[in-house]
Structure formats: C-alpha cells, structure tokens
Amino acid sequence: MLERIVVAVDGSDHAHKALETAVDLAESLKHPARLIIVHVNPSISLNEPALGVDLEARIAEEGQHIIAPVEQLLSGRSIPYETLLIAGDPVNEICRVSNERACSLIVMGTGGKSMLAEIVVGSVSHGVLKYAACPVLTVK
C-alpha cells in the first residue's frame, strides 16, 4: 500500500508534471498517500562568496519560489503533504529522505537532455533510479 510518496521538484515543467501525477495517484487511493515534496539545492562550493551577498538567504528564496506553486496546486485538496527544502547532492538527499521516511514510491520528472548529455553528465533521475531503495516513477 502506498502511504508516503516522495515528489522531487526543481521548478521545471517535468517536475510540475511529476507533481500532478503524484497528486492524481494519491487522490485515486482509498486512503490518500502523504506527499513529501522535496526541493534540493545542490551544494555550492565557493572559495570566496561575493561581498554583500547572503548566499543562504538567496538559496532559501529560490526554494520558496519553487515551493510556492506546489502549495498553490495542493491548497484545497484533501491530500496530506509536507515540503522540505534541503541543500546537498540531489540524488543522495532524495534517496535519504525516501529511506528515512519509509516511503513507498519516489515520483520525479526527467529532463529533456540529449543521449550524449545523459552519458557525459548523468542526471538526477538516473542516479535516483540507481540508488533508491523503493520504486521510482519518472514522468516526462
């Protein structure tokens, strides 16, 4: 039975479609699953941050811009959910949250990268597919 579903969001159209798919899935269940919406800001390694720039505030602000449409989509629905803004490696953090919360499924979008870019750079969705302990539903 699906009780908890992690939904990875990054502000992209693919992530929004993944969220819509997770919402539809959760609503179709006899007992709606709890959605755990996760946005991961990749770790930034800077030798010297720019003067006058509060990097943590900028990252938090970006996260709020990504989470705002999520909360708008879910407002007025009967689906229980929570949002998490995390900094770190997206693959590791999505898998960690899924494991710690004993989630039954991860739902995430796939990027529209070319095959060469996928081979050279890899992607978050491929990494999660490789390391997740639960099923992963990718949405294009």
N, C-alpha and C. Protein backbone atom coordinates (compact mmCIF):
# COMPACT_ATOMS: atom_id res chain seq x y z
N MET A 1 0.85 -1.17 0.00
CA MET A 1 0.00 0.00 0.00
C MET A 1 0.90 1.24 0.00
N LEU A 2 0.51 2.23 -0.77
CA LEU A 2 1.27 3.48 -0.82
C LEU A 2 0.81 4.38 0.33
N GLU A 3 1.71 4.63 1.27
CA GLU A 3 1.38 5.51 2.39
C GLU A 3 2.09 6.85 2.28
N ARG A 4 3.35 6.81 1.82
CA ARG A 4 4.15 8.03 1.68
C ARG A 4 4.84 8.02 0.33
N ILE A 5 4.74 9.15 -0.36
CA ILE A 5 5.34 9.30 -1.68
C ILE A 5 6.23 10.54 -1.67
N VAL A 6 7.49 10.36 -2.03
CA VAL A 6 8.40 11.50 -2.20
C VAL A 6 8.20 12.04 -3.61
N VAL A 7 8.06 13.36 -3.71
CA VAL A 7 7.96 14.02 -5.01
C VAL A 7 9.09 15.04 -5.07
N ALA A 8 10.01 14.83 -6.02
CA ALA A 8 11.15 15.75 -6.18
C ALA A 8 10.74 16.87 -7.13
N VAL A 9 10.95 18.11 -6.70
CA VAL A 9 10.61 19.27 -7.53
C VAL A 9 11.82 20.19 -7.67
N ASP A 10 11.91 20.81 -8.86
CA ASP A 10 13.00 21.74 -9.10
C ASP A 10 12.57 22.97 -9.89
N GLY A 11 11.26 23.13 -10.06
CA GLY A 11 10.75 24.28 -10.79
C GLY A 11 10.59 24.04 -12.28
N SER A 12 11.01 22.89 -12.78
CA SER A 12 10.91 22.60 -14.22
C SER A 12 9.50 22.12 -14.57
N ASP A 13 9.20 22.16 -15.87
CA ASP A 13 7.91 21.64 -16.35
C ASP A 13 7.78 20.15 -16.07
N HIS A 14 8.88 19.41 -16.23
CA HIS A 14 8.84 17.97 -15.97
C HIS A 14 8.53 17.69 -14.49
N ALA A 15 9.10 18.47 -13.61
CA ALA A 15 8.83 18.30 -12.18
C ALA A 15 7.38 18.64 -11.85
N HIS A 16 6.83 19.66 -12.52
CA HIS A 16 5.43 20.02 -12.29
C HIS A 16 4.51 18.89 -12.76
N LYS A 17 4.82 18.29 -13.90
CA LYS A 17 4.04 17.15 -14.39
C LYS A 17 4.16 15.97 -13.43
N ALA A 18 5.34 15.76 -12.87
CA ALA A 18 5.53 14.69 -11.89
C ALA A 18 4.66 14.95 -10.65
N LEU A 19 4.62 16.20 -10.20
CA LEU A 19 3.78 16.56 -9.06
C LEU A 19 2.31 16.29 -9.37
N GLU A 20 1.85 16.71 -10.53
CA GLU A 20 0.46 16.46 -10.92
C GLU A 20 0.15 14.96 -10.95
N THR A 21 1.09 14.17 -11.46
CA THR A 21 0.92 12.72 -11.49
C THR A 21 0.83 12.15 -10.08
N ALA A 22 1.69 12.61 -9.20
CA ALA A 22 1.68 12.14 -7.80
C ALA A 22 0.38 12.52 -7.11
N VAL A 23 -0.11 13.73 -7.37
CA VAL A 23 -1.38 14.17 -6.77
C VAL A 23 -2.52 13.29 -7.26
N ASP A 24 -2.58 13.05 -8.57
CA ASP A 24 -3.62 12.18 -9.12
C ASP A 24 -3.55 10.79 -8.53
N LEU A 25 -2.34 10.25 -8.41
CA LEU A 25 -2.15 8.92 -7.83
C LEU A 25 -2.61 8.91 -6.38
N ALA A 26 -2.18 9.88 -5.60
CA ALA A 26 -2.54 9.94 -4.18
C ALA A 26 -4.05 10.06 -4.00
N GLU A 27 -4.70 10.86 -4.84
CA GLU A 27 -6.15 11.03 -4.73
C GLU A 27 -6.92 9.79 -5.16
N SER A 28 -6.33 8.97 -6.01
CA SER A 28 -7.03 7.78 -6.50
C SER A 28 -7.03 6.63 -5.49
N LEU A 29 -6.22 6.74 -4.47
CA LEU A 29 -6.12 5.67 -3.48
C LEU A 29 -7.27 5.74 -2.48
N LYS A 30 -7.61 4.59 -1.92
CA LYS A 30 -8.69 4.54 -0.93
C LYS A 30 -8.37 5.45 0.26
N HIS A 31 -7.11 5.38 0.70
CA HIS A 31 -6.62 6.27 1.75
C HIS A 31 -5.50 7.08 1.12
N PRO A 32 -5.73 8.37 0.88
CA PRO A 32 -4.71 9.17 0.17
C PRO A 32 -3.34 9.07 0.83
N ALA A 33 -2.35 8.91 -0.01
CA ALA A 33 -0.96 8.84 0.47
C ALA A 33 -0.50 10.23 0.88
N ARG A 34 0.42 10.28 1.82
CA ARG A 34 1.04 11.55 2.22
C ARG A 34 2.14 11.87 1.22
N LEU A 35 2.13 13.08 0.69
CA LEU A 35 3.17 13.52 -0.23
C LEU A 35 4.26 14.25 0.53
N ILE A 36 5.48 13.89 0.26
CA ILE A 36 6.63 14.59 0.84
C ILE A 36 7.33 15.26 -0.34
N ILE A 37 7.10 16.57 -0.45
CA ILE A 37 7.63 17.35 -1.56
C ILE A 37 9.04 17.80 -1.20
N VAL A 38 10.01 17.44 -2.03
CA VAL A 38 11.42 17.72 -1.73
C VAL A 38 12.03 18.59 -2.83
N HIS A 39 12.60 19.71 -2.43
CA HIS A 39 13.42 20.51 -3.34
C HIS A 39 14.83 20.53 -2.77
N VAL A 40 15.80 20.09 -3.58
CA VAL A 40 17.19 20.06 -3.14
C VAL A 40 17.98 21.09 -3.91
N ASN A 41 18.56 22.04 -3.19
CA ASN A 41 19.50 22.98 -3.79
C ASN A 41 20.85 22.30 -3.78
N PRO A 42 21.46 22.14 -4.96
CA PRO A 42 22.77 21.49 -4.98
C PRO A 42 23.77 22.24 -4.12
N SER A 43 24.66 21.49 -3.49
CA SER A 43 25.71 22.11 -2.68
C SER A 43 26.56 23.01 -3.56
N ILE A 44 26.90 24.17 -3.03
CA ILE A 44 27.71 25.11 -3.77
C ILE A 44 29.06 25.22 -3.08
N SER A 45 30.10 25.10 -3.85
CA SER A 45 31.44 25.22 -3.31
C SER A 45 32.06 26.51 -3.84
N LEU A 46 32.19 27.47 -2.97
CA LEU A 46 32.77 28.75 -3.36
C LEU A 46 33.97 29.03 -2.47
N ASN A 47 35.05 29.46 -3.07
CA ASN A 47 36.22 29.82 -2.27
C ASN A 47 35.96 31.11 -1.52
N GLU A 48 35.43 32.10 -2.23
CA GLU A 48 35.13 33.36 -1.60
C GLU A 48 33.79 33.86 -2.12
N PRO A 49 32.76 33.88 -1.26
CA PRO A 49 31.47 34.39 -1.71
C PRO A 49 31.57 35.88 -2.02
N ALA A 50 30.74 36.32 -2.94
CA ALA A 50 30.73 37.74 -3.31
C ALA A 50 30.37 38.59 -2.10
N LEU A 51 31.03 39.73 -1.98
CA LEU A 51 30.76 40.63 -0.87
C LEU A 51 29.33 41.13 -0.95
N GLY A 52 28.66 41.19 0.19
CA GLY A 52 27.31 41.72 0.25
C GLY A 52 26.23 40.75 -0.20
N VAL A 53 26.58 39.50 -0.49
CA VAL A 53 25.59 38.51 -0.93
C VAL A 53 25.40 37.50 0.19
N ASP A 54 24.16 37.39 0.65
CA ASP A 54 23.82 36.39 1.66
C ASP A 54 23.39 35.14 0.91
N LEU A 55 24.34 34.23 0.71
CA LEU A 55 24.12 33.04 -0.10
C LEU A 55 22.99 32.18 0.45
N GLU A 56 22.96 31.97 1.76
CA GLU A 56 21.91 31.15 2.37
C GLU A 56 20.53 31.76 2.14
N ALA A 57 20.43 33.08 2.24
CA ALA A 57 19.14 33.74 2.01
C ALA A 57 18.71 33.59 0.55
N ARG A 58 19.67 33.70 -0.38
CA ARG A 58 19.34 33.54 -1.81
C ARG A 58 18.87 32.13 -2.10
N ILE A 59 19.50 31.13 -1.50
CA ILE A 59 19.11 29.74 -1.70
C ILE A 59 17.72 29.50 -1.13
N ALA A 60 17.45 30.02 0.06
CA ALA A 60 16.13 29.87 0.67
C ALA A 60 15.06 30.57 -0.17
N GLU A 61 15.38 31.73 -0.70
CA GLU A 61 14.43 32.47 -1.53
C GLU A 61 14.10 31.68 -2.80
N GLU A 62 15.13 31.11 -3.43
CA GLU A 62 14.91 30.29 -4.63
C GLU A 62 14.01 29.10 -4.30
N GLY A 63 14.28 28.47 -3.17
CA GLY A 63 13.47 27.32 -2.75
C GLY A 63 12.02 27.70 -2.55
N GLN A 64 11.78 28.86 -1.95
CA GLN A 64 10.40 29.31 -1.73
C GLN A 64 9.69 29.58 -3.05
N HIS A 65 10.40 30.10 -4.05
CA HIS A 65 9.80 30.33 -5.37
C HIS A 65 9.41 29.02 -6.03
N ILE A 66 10.16 27.98 -5.76
CA ILE A 66 9.85 26.67 -6.33
C ILE A 66 8.71 25.99 -5.58
N ILE A 67 8.67 26.17 -4.27
CA ILE A 67 7.64 25.53 -3.45
C ILE A 67 6.28 26.25 -3.54
N ALA A 68 6.27 27.56 -3.80
CA ALA A 68 5.01 28.31 -3.85
C ALA A 68 3.99 27.72 -4.82
N PRO A 69 4.35 27.40 -6.07
CA PRO A 69 3.37 26.79 -6.97
C PRO A 69 2.91 25.41 -6.50
N VAL A 70 3.78 24.70 -5.81
CA VAL A 70 3.41 23.39 -5.26
C VAL A 70 2.29 23.56 -4.24
N GLU A 71 2.49 24.51 -3.33
CA GLU A 71 1.48 24.74 -2.30
C GLU A 71 0.18 25.27 -2.90
N GLN A 72 0.29 26.04 -3.97
CA GLN A 72 -0.91 26.54 -4.65
C GLN A 72 -1.68 25.37 -5.27
N LEU A 73 -0.99 24.44 -5.90
CA LEU A 73 -1.63 23.28 -6.51
C LEU A 73 -2.31 22.40 -5.46
N LEU A 74 -1.69 22.28 -4.29
CA LEU A 74 -2.21 21.39 -3.26
C LEU A 74 -3.23 22.04 -2.32
N SER A 75 -3.33 23.36 -2.36
CA SER A 75 -4.27 24.03 -1.46
C SER A 75 -5.71 23.64 -1.84
N GLY A 76 -6.49 23.37 -0.84
CA GLY A 76 -7.88 23.00 -1.06
C GLY A 76 -8.07 21.52 -1.38
N ARG A 77 -7.00 20.77 -1.45
CA ARG A 77 -7.10 19.33 -1.69
C ARG A 77 -7.01 18.61 -0.36
N SER A 78 -7.51 17.40 -0.34
CA SER A 78 -7.52 16.64 0.91
C SER A 78 -6.29 15.76 1.09
N ILE A 79 -5.26 16.01 0.30
CA ILE A 79 -4.05 15.20 0.39
C ILE A 79 -3.12 15.76 1.46
N PRO A 80 -2.72 14.93 2.41
CA PRO A 80 -1.74 15.41 3.39
C PRO A 80 -0.37 15.54 2.71
N TYR A 81 0.34 16.61 3.05
CA TYR A 81 1.66 16.81 2.44
C TYR A 81 2.53 17.64 3.35
N GLU A 82 3.82 17.58 3.07
CA GLU A 82 4.79 18.46 3.72
C GLU A 82 5.83 18.82 2.68
N THR A 83 6.49 19.94 2.88
CA THR A 83 7.53 20.37 1.95
C THR A 83 8.86 20.44 2.69
N LEU A 84 9.90 20.03 1.99
CA LEU A 84 11.25 20.06 2.55
C LEU A 84 12.17 20.80 1.59
N LEU A 85 12.90 21.78 2.10
CA LEU A 85 13.94 22.47 1.34
C LEU A 85 15.26 22.02 1.92
N ILE A 86 16.08 21.38 1.08
CA ILE A 86 17.32 20.77 1.54
C ILE A 86 18.46 21.23 0.65
N ALA A 87 19.64 21.37 1.22
CA ALA A 87 20.84 21.64 0.43
C ALA A 87 21.70 20.39 0.44
N GLY A 88 22.29 20.08 -0.70
CA GLY A 88 23.15 18.91 -0.79
C GLY A 88 23.11 18.32 -2.18
N ASP A 89 23.58 17.10 -2.29
CA ASP A 89 23.56 16.39 -3.56
C ASP A 89 22.14 15.88 -3.79
N PRO A 90 21.48 16.28 -4.89
CA PRO A 90 20.09 15.89 -5.09
C PRO A 90 19.84 14.38 -5.05
N VAL A 91 20.69 13.59 -5.68
CA VAL A 91 20.48 12.13 -5.68
C VAL A 91 20.54 11.60 -4.25
N ASN A 92 21.58 11.96 -3.52
CA ASN A 92 21.73 11.46 -2.15
C ASN A 92 20.59 11.92 -1.25
N GLU A 93 20.20 13.19 -1.37
CA GLU A 93 19.18 13.72 -0.48
C GLU A 93 17.79 13.15 -0.77
N ILE A 94 17.45 12.99 -2.04
CA ILE A 94 16.16 12.39 -2.38
C ILE A 94 16.09 10.96 -1.86
N CYS A 95 17.14 10.20 -2.07
CA CYS A 95 17.18 8.82 -1.58
C CYS A 95 17.18 8.77 -0.05
N ARG A 96 17.91 9.67 0.59
CA ARG A 96 17.96 9.71 2.06
C ARG A 96 16.58 9.98 2.65
N VAL A 97 15.90 11.00 2.12
CA VAL A 97 14.55 11.33 2.63
C VAL A 97 13.62 10.15 2.44
N SER A 98 13.69 9.54 1.26
CA SER A 98 12.84 8.39 0.98
C SER A 98 13.08 7.26 1.98
N ASN A 99 14.35 6.99 2.27
CA ASN A 99 14.67 5.92 3.23
C ASN A 99 14.25 6.28 4.64
N GLU A 100 14.58 7.50 5.09
CA GLU A 100 14.27 7.91 6.46
C GLU A 100 12.78 7.94 6.74
N ARG A 101 11.99 8.29 5.72
CA ARG A 101 10.54 8.38 5.89
C ARG A 101 9.81 7.10 5.50
N ALA A 102 10.55 6.05 5.19
CA ALA A 102 9.99 4.76 4.78
C ALA A 102 8.94 4.95 3.68
N CYS A 103 9.35 5.65 2.62
CA CYS A 103 8.43 5.94 1.52
C CYS A 103 8.28 4.73 0.62
N SER A 104 7.11 4.63 0.00
CA SER A 104 6.79 3.51 -0.88
C SER A 104 7.13 3.81 -2.33
N LEU A 105 7.31 5.10 -2.66
CA LEU A 105 7.49 5.48 -4.06
C LEU A 105 8.16 6.84 -4.13
N ILE A 106 8.97 7.04 -5.15
CA ILE A 106 9.52 8.35 -5.48
C ILE A 106 8.98 8.72 -6.85
N VAL A 107 8.45 9.93 -6.98
CA VAL A 107 7.96 10.42 -8.26
C VAL A 107 8.78 11.64 -8.62
N MET A 108 9.31 11.64 -9.85
CA MET A 108 10.13 12.76 -10.27
C MET A 108 10.09 12.91 -11.78
N GLY A 109 10.38 14.11 -12.23
CA GLY A 109 10.43 14.37 -13.66
C GLY A 109 11.77 13.96 -14.24
N THR A 110 11.78 13.80 -15.55
CA THR A 110 13.03 13.54 -16.25
C THR A 110 13.33 14.74 -17.12
N GLY A 111 14.58 15.08 -17.23
CA GLY A 111 14.96 16.21 -18.06
C GLY A 111 14.92 15.84 -19.53
N GLY A 112 14.94 16.83 -20.38
CA GLY A 112 14.92 16.59 -21.81
C GLY A 112 16.30 16.61 -22.41
N LYS A 113 17.31 16.09 -21.71
CA LYS A 113 18.68 16.11 -22.21
C LYS A 113 18.85 15.15 -23.37
N SER A 114 19.83 15.42 -24.21
CA SER A 114 20.16 14.51 -25.30
C SER A 114 20.85 13.28 -24.71
N MET A 115 20.93 12.23 -25.49
CA MET A 115 21.58 11.00 -25.05
C MET A 115 23.04 11.26 -24.68
N LEU A 116 23.74 12.07 -25.47
CA LEU A 116 25.14 12.37 -25.18
C LEU A 116 25.27 13.09 -23.85
N ALA A 117 24.40 14.07 -23.61
CA ALA A 117 24.46 14.81 -22.34
C ALA A 117 24.17 13.87 -21.16
N GLU A 118 23.24 12.94 -21.34
CA GLU A 118 22.93 11.98 -20.28
C GLU A 118 24.16 11.12 -19.97
N ILE A 119 24.88 10.70 -21.02
CA ILE A 119 26.05 9.83 -20.82
C ILE A 119 27.17 10.60 -20.14
N VAL A 120 27.42 11.83 -20.59
CA VAL A 120 28.54 12.60 -20.08
C VAL A 120 28.25 13.17 -18.69
N VAL A 121 27.10 13.78 -18.53
CA VAL A 121 26.77 14.47 -17.29
C VAL A 121 26.00 13.60 -16.32
N GLY A 122 25.17 12.70 -16.84
CA GLY A 122 24.29 11.93 -15.99
C GLY A 122 23.09 12.78 -15.62
N SER A 123 22.24 12.28 -14.79
CA SER A 123 21.09 13.07 -14.37
C SER A 123 20.66 12.64 -12.98
N VAL A 124 19.89 13.50 -12.37
CA VAL A 124 19.38 13.19 -11.04
C VAL A 124 18.45 11.98 -11.12
N SER A 125 17.57 11.96 -12.12
CA SER A 125 16.63 10.84 -12.21
C SER A 125 17.36 9.50 -12.38
N HIS A 126 18.42 9.48 -13.19
CA HIS A 126 19.18 8.24 -13.35
C HIS A 126 19.85 7.84 -12.04
N GLY A 127 20.40 8.80 -11.33
CA GLY A 127 21.03 8.50 -10.05
C GLY A 127 20.04 7.95 -9.04
N VAL A 128 18.86 8.57 -8.98
CA VAL A 128 17.84 8.09 -8.04
C VAL A 128 17.38 6.69 -8.44
N LEU A 129 17.18 6.46 -9.74
CA LEU A 129 16.80 5.12 -10.20
C LEU A 129 17.82 4.08 -9.76
N LYS A 130 19.08 4.45 -9.79
CA LYS A 130 20.16 3.52 -9.46
C LYS A 130 20.24 3.24 -7.96
N TYR A 131 20.05 4.26 -7.12
CA TYR A 131 20.32 4.11 -5.69
C TYR A 131 19.09 4.03 -4.78
N ALA A 132 17.91 4.33 -5.28
CA ALA A 132 16.72 4.31 -4.42
C ALA A 132 16.39 2.90 -3.96
N ALA A 133 15.90 2.81 -2.74
CA ALA A 133 15.53 1.52 -2.17
C ALA A 133 14.07 1.17 -2.48
N CYS A 134 13.33 2.10 -3.06
CA CYS A 134 11.93 1.86 -3.38
C CYS A 134 11.70 2.12 -4.87
N PRO A 135 10.54 1.79 -5.40
CA PRO A 135 10.27 2.07 -6.81
C PRO A 135 10.32 3.57 -7.11
N VAL A 136 10.69 3.89 -8.35
CA VAL A 136 10.78 5.28 -8.81
C VAL A 136 9.92 5.41 -10.06
N LEU A 137 9.01 6.37 -10.05
CA LEU A 137 8.19 6.68 -11.21
C LEU A 137 8.72 7.96 -11.82
N THR A 138 9.19 7.88 -13.07
CA THR A 138 9.67 9.07 -13.74
C THR A 138 8.61 9.55 -14.72
N VAL A 139 8.44 10.86 -14.79
CA VAL A 139 7.41 11.48 -15.62
C VAL A 139 8.08 12.42 -16.59
N LYS A 140 7.72 12.32 -17.85
CA LYS A 140 8.31 13.16 -18.88
C LYS A 140 7.32 14.23 -19.32
